[in-house]
Amino acid sequence: MRTATEKIVEDVLSLSRESRAFLAEKLLESLDCEEVFTASPEWMKEIRRRCREIDDGTVKLIPAEVVFEELDKNLG
């Protein structure tokens, strides 16, 4: 007999890639902090805009290591 969790995992794995990514993001967000945090409507709008730009490929993400290397070069 399958557990409820196993059934959920099976159902989730049958979703589209985008739906699985959305769900994964929501699950990870739920683990981030223990206190309830609510962003202002303005910040939520900005967050959605930035996420959309990432998803659409209209912005280029830079790995943190590259940013820190450049920062180190410019400050050092």
C-alpha atoms as a PDB file:
ATOM      1  CA  MET A   1       0.000   0.000   0.000  1.00  0.00           C
ATOM      2  CA  ARG A   2       1.388   3.385  -1.014  1.00  0.00           C
ATOM      3  CA  THR A   3       1.642   6.265   1.381  1.00  0.00           C
ATOM      4  CA  ALA A   4       0.029   9.609   0.676  1.00  0.00           C
ATOM      5  CA  THR A   5       3.488  11.086   0.109  1.00  0.00           C
ATOM      6  CA  GLU A   6       4.384   8.446  -2.469  1.00  0.00           C
ATOM      7  CA  LYS A   7       1.120   9.153  -4.310  1.00  0.00           C
ATOM      8  CA  ILE A   8       1.832  12.877  -4.302  1.00  0.00           C
ATOM      9  CA  VAL A   9       5.352  12.292  -5.647  1.00  0.00           C
ATOM     10  CA  GLU A  10       3.996  10.084  -8.420  1.00  0.00           C
ATOM     11  CA  ASP A  11       1.374  12.682  -9.347  1.00  0.00           C
ATOM     12  CA  VAL A  12       3.872  15.542  -9.288  1.00  0.00           C
ATOM     13  CA  LEU A  13       6.359  13.699 -11.480  1.00  0.00           C
ATOM     14  CA  SER A  14       3.683  13.376 -14.143  1.00  0.00           C
ATOM     15  CA  LEU A  15       3.346  17.170 -14.392  1.00  0.00           C
ATOM     16  CA  SER A  16       5.028  19.301 -17.037  1.00  0.00           C
ATOM     17  CA  ARG A  17       8.560  20.546 -16.450  1.00  0.00           C
ATOM     18  CA  GLU A  18       7.282  24.075 -15.804  1.00  0.00           C
ATOM     19  CA  SER A  19       4.689  22.879 -13.297  1.00  0.00           C
ATOM     20  CA  ARG A  20       7.270  20.764 -11.462  1.00  0.00           C
ATOM     21  CA  ALA A  21       9.651  23.739 -11.319  1.00  0.00           C
ATOM     22  CA  PHE A  22       6.891  25.968  -9.946  1.00  0.00           C
ATOM     23  CA  LEU A  23       5.999  23.403  -7.305  1.00  0.00           C
ATOM     24  CA  ALA A  24       9.657  22.873  -6.376  1.00  0.00           C
ATOM     25  CA  GLU A  25      10.091  26.624  -5.973  1.00  0.00           C
ATOM     26  CA  LYS A  26       7.046  26.832  -3.693  1.00  0.00           C
ATOM     27  CA  LEU A  27       8.239  23.888  -1.592  1.00  0.00           C
ATOM     28  CA  LEU A  28      11.717  25.383  -1.214  1.00  0.00           C
ATOM     29  CA  GLU A  29      10.249  28.757  -0.287  1.00  0.00           C
ATOM     30  CA  SER A  30       8.278  27.054   2.460  1.00  0.00           C
ATOM     31  CA  LEU A  31      11.556  25.841   3.997  1.00  0.00           C
ATOM     32  CA  ASP A  32      13.414  29.156   3.830  1.00  0.00           C
ATOM     33  CA  CYS A  33      12.389  30.608   7.159  1.00  0.00           C
ATOM     34  CA  GLU A  34      10.226  29.734  10.074  1.00  0.00           C
ATOM     35  CA  GLU A  35       8.668  33.127  10.575  1.00  0.00           C
ATOM     36  CA  VAL A  36       5.915  34.267   8.287  1.00  0.00           C
ATOM     37  CA  PHE A  37       7.094  36.865   5.824  1.00  0.00           C
ATOM     38  CA  THR A  38       4.820  38.735   3.494  1.00  0.00           C
ATOM     39  CA  ALA A  39       6.291  40.921   0.794  1.00  0.00           C
ATOM     40  CA  SER A  40       4.547  44.155  -0.066  1.00  0.00           C
ATOM     41  CA  PRO A  41       2.480  44.216  -3.261  1.00  0.00           C
ATOM     42  CA  GLU A  42       5.184  46.350  -4.869  1.00  0.00           C
ATOM     43  CA  TRP A  43       7.899  43.821  -4.076  1.00  0.00           C
ATOM     44  CA  MET A  44       5.721  40.926  -5.257  1.00  0.00           C
ATOM     45  CA  LYS A  45       5.239  42.750  -8.572  1.00  0.00           C
ATOM     46  CA  GLU A  46       9.010  43.248  -8.867  1.00  0.00           C
ATOM     47  CA  ILE A  47       9.727  39.623  -7.954  1.00  0.00           C
ATOM     48  CA  ARG A  48       7.269  38.388 -10.575  1.00  0.00           C
ATOM     49  CA  ARG A  49       8.795  40.708 -13.194  1.00  0.00           C
ATOM     50  CA  ARG A  50      12.304  39.465 -12.476  1.00  0.00           C
ATOM     51  CA  CYS A  51      11.223  35.816 -12.487  1.00  0.00           C
ATOM     52  CA  ARG A  52       9.436  36.354 -15.801  1.00  0.00           C
ATOM     53  CA  GLU A  53      12.589  37.909 -17.296  1.00  0.00           C
ATOM     54  CA  ILE A  54      14.628  34.910 -16.150  1.00  0.00           C
ATOM     55  CA  ASP A  55      12.064  32.443 -17.500  1.00  0.00           C
ATOM     56  CA  ASP A  56      11.816  34.319 -20.813  1.00  0.00           C
ATOM     57  CA  GLY A  57      15.584  34.503 -21.173  1.00  0.00           C
ATOM     58  CA  THR A  58      15.534  38.292 -21.534  1.00  0.00           C
ATOM     59  CA  VAL A  59      18.158  38.653 -18.799  1.00  0.00           C
ATOM     60  CA  LYS A  60      21.426  36.826 -18.390  1.00  0.00           C
ATOM     61  CA  LEU A  61      22.196  35.389 -14.980  1.00  0.00           C
ATOM     62  CA  ILE A  62      25.777  35.658 -13.776  1.00  0.00           C
ATOM     63  CA  PRO A  63      27.141  32.968 -11.427  1.00  0.00           C
ATOM     64  CA  ALA A  64      28.081  34.298  -7.990  1.00  0.00           C
ATOM     65  CA  GLU A  65      31.657  33.084  -8.422  1.00  0.00           C
ATOM     66  CA  VAL A  66      32.072  35.320 -11.478  1.00  0.00           C
ATOM     67  CA  VAL A  67      30.584  38.316  -9.676  1.00  0.00           C
ATOM     68  CA  PHE A  68      32.886  37.825  -6.686  1.00  0.00           C
ATOM     69  CA  GLU A  69      35.943  37.376  -8.917  1.00  0.00           C
ATOM     70  CA  GLU A  70      35.158  40.619 -10.755  1.00  0.00           C
ATOM     71  CA  LEU A  71      34.524  42.410  -7.476  1.00  0.00           C
ATOM     72  CA  ASP A  72      37.822  41.129  -6.096  1.00  0.00           C
ATOM     73  CA  LYS A  73      39.682  42.313  -9.224  1.00  0.00           C
ATOM     74  CA  ASN A  74      38.114  45.769  -9.072  1.00  0.00           C
ATOM     75  CA  LEU A  75      38.669  46.247  -5.360  1.00  0.00           C
ATOM     76  CA  GLY A  76      42.057  44.578  -5.140  1.00  0.00           C
END
